Amino acid sequence: MIIANENEVPLIQMEEPFKRSLKVLLSPVLTPKLKSIAAGLTLLPPGGSSDFANHIEGEMFFVISGRGHIVVGDEEKDLVPGTAVWVPPGIDHQLVNSSNDYLKILWVLSPPGREAELLKK
């Protein structure tokens, strides 16, 4: 069993123009015996957005709180608490917070990999 608590992992601050906070909860970098996934949290401030990402890992997003939308390729869908989205590998995607509250999203990478860059910050 591997357990991570969001209150016990470092907060990674991303700078403007895509200011947001990230926490890596699970990663092979943190726990070498973990091989198949990585997971973490994104906290987007009101009116904020992530940069457009495109990577070799597939990524699942799950909205914990807040509202916004996600752009995946040429599609755009609303995000509300309880929404899950799968983004296949190699597809451009971006998270946007269109509310007055923080947008809190759980992300899961499969296979892991990209989160290693975040842990170096």
Protein backbone atom coordinates (compact mmCIF):
# COMPACT_ATOMS: atom_id res chain seq x y z
CA MET A 1 0.00 0.00 0.00
CA ILE A 2 1.16 3.53 -0.81
CA ILE A 3 -0.50 6.47 0.94
CA ALA A 4 -0.07 10.19 0.28
CA ASN A 5 -1.78 13.09 2.00
CA GLU A 6 -2.17 16.38 0.14
CA ASN A 7 -1.31 18.27 3.35
CA GLU A 8 2.05 16.50 3.60
CA VAL A 9 3.47 16.96 0.08
CA PRO A 10 5.23 20.10 -1.19
CA LEU A 11 3.24 22.80 -2.97
CA ILE A 12 4.70 23.62 -6.39
CA GLN A 13 3.93 27.16 -7.56
CA MET A 14 3.76 27.75 -11.29
CA GLU A 15 4.40 31.34 -12.42
CA GLU A 16 2.46 33.75 -14.65
CA PRO A 17 0.95 33.67 -17.19
CA PHE A 18 -0.31 30.22 -16.13
CA LYS A 19 -0.18 30.74 -12.37
CA ARG A 20 -1.42 27.75 -10.44
CA SER A 21 -0.46 25.44 -7.60
CA LEU A 22 0.38 21.77 -8.05
CA LYS A 23 0.94 18.87 -5.69
CA VAL A 24 2.36 15.53 -6.78
CA LEU A 25 0.80 12.86 -4.57
CA LEU A 26 2.03 9.65 -6.21
CA SER A 27 4.96 9.11 -8.53
CA PRO A 28 7.71 6.57 -9.18
CA VAL A 29 10.10 9.45 -8.41
CA LEU A 30 8.70 9.56 -4.86
CA THR A 31 8.08 5.82 -4.49
CA PRO A 32 10.22 3.75 -6.87
CA LYS A 33 8.10 0.60 -6.48
CA LEU A 34 5.14 2.53 -7.98
CA LYS A 35 5.41 1.87 -11.71
CA SER A 36 2.05 2.31 -13.40
CA ILE A 37 0.63 5.74 -12.54
CA ALA A 38 1.30 9.19 -11.14
CA ALA A 39 -1.31 11.40 -9.49
CA GLY A 40 -1.58 14.88 -8.10
CA LEU A 41 -3.67 17.99 -7.64
CA THR A 42 -4.02 21.22 -9.59
CA LEU A 43 -5.38 24.34 -7.88
CA LEU A 44 -6.33 27.02 -10.39
CA PRO A 45 -7.14 30.49 -9.04
CA PRO A 46 -10.26 32.33 -10.21
CA GLY A 47 -9.86 33.31 -13.87
CA GLY A 48 -6.68 31.23 -14.20
CA SER A 49 -5.71 28.58 -16.69
CA SER A 50 -3.05 25.97 -17.30
CA ASP A 51 -0.82 26.15 -20.33
CA PHE A 52 -1.71 23.96 -23.29
CA ALA A 53 -0.12 20.58 -22.67
CA ASN A 54 0.58 17.72 -25.03
CA HIS A 55 2.51 14.72 -23.73
CA ILE A 56 3.06 11.04 -24.30
CA GLU A 57 1.11 10.04 -21.19
CA GLY A 58 -2.67 9.78 -21.14
CA GLU A 59 -4.25 11.94 -18.43
CA MET A 60 -7.42 11.68 -16.42
CA PHE A 61 -8.86 14.72 -14.65
CA PHE A 62 -11.47 14.64 -11.88
CA VAL A 63 -13.05 17.87 -10.62
CA ILE A 64 -13.12 18.02 -6.83
CA SER A 65 -14.44 21.57 -6.45
CA GLY A 66 -15.00 24.72 -8.46
CA ARG A 67 -16.16 25.23 -12.02
CA GLY A 68 -14.50 25.83 -15.34
CA HIS A 69 -13.94 24.16 -18.65
CA ILE A 70 -11.41 21.99 -20.43
CA VAL A 71 -10.20 22.32 -23.99
CA VAL A 72 -9.16 19.00 -25.57
CA GLY A 73 -8.10 19.26 -29.18
CA ASP A 74 -10.85 21.29 -30.84
CA GLU A 75 -13.49 20.42 -28.21
CA GLU A 76 -14.46 22.43 -25.13
CA LYS A 77 -16.50 20.99 -22.25
CA ASP A 78 -17.75 22.43 -18.96
CA LEU A 79 -16.26 21.17 -15.71
CA VAL A 80 -18.28 20.88 -12.51
CA PRO A 81 -17.61 18.91 -9.32
CA GLY A 82 -17.83 15.19 -9.99
CA THR A 83 -16.77 15.44 -13.66
CA ALA A 84 -14.12 13.02 -14.96
CA VAL A 85 -12.31 13.55 -18.28
CA TRP A 86 -9.85 11.27 -20.09
CA VAL A 87 -7.35 12.92 -22.46
CA PRO A 88 -5.57 10.43 -24.73
CA PRO A 89 -1.80 10.67 -25.21
CA GLY A 90 -0.58 13.31 -27.65
CA ILE A 91 -3.69 15.54 -27.59
CA ASP A 92 -3.44 19.27 -26.73
CA HIS A 93 -5.40 20.15 -23.60
CA GLN A 94 -5.92 23.08 -21.23
CA LEU A 95 -7.81 23.66 -17.97
CA VAL A 96 -9.60 26.99 -17.47
CA ASN A 97 -11.18 28.31 -14.28
CA SER A 98 -14.15 30.47 -15.25
CA SER A 99 -15.49 30.88 -11.71
CA ASN A 100 -14.85 33.14 -8.72
CA ASP A 101 -13.59 30.21 -6.63
CA TYR A 102 -10.55 27.97 -6.88
CA LEU A 103 -10.85 25.03 -9.27
CA LYS A 104 -9.40 21.92 -7.61
CA ILE A 105 -8.69 18.98 -9.89
CA LEU A 106 -7.18 15.55 -9.32
CA TRP A 107 -5.03 14.38 -12.23
CA VAL A 108 -3.72 10.92 -12.98
CA LEU A 109 -1.03 10.15 -15.57
CA SER A 110 -0.80 6.73 -17.16
CA PRO A 111 1.94 5.77 -17.61
CA PRO A 112 3.75 8.12 -15.23
CA GLY A 113 6.49 10.43 -16.47
CA ARG A 114 5.62 14.08 -16.89
CA GLU A 115 5.26 14.65 -13.15
CA ALA A 116 9.01 14.09 -12.75
CA GLU A 117 9.57 17.54 -14.31
CA LEU A 118 7.32 19.12 -11.67
CA LEU A 119 9.20 17.46 -8.84
CA LYS A 120 12.44 19.09 -9.98
CA LYS A 121 11.04 22.60 -9.37
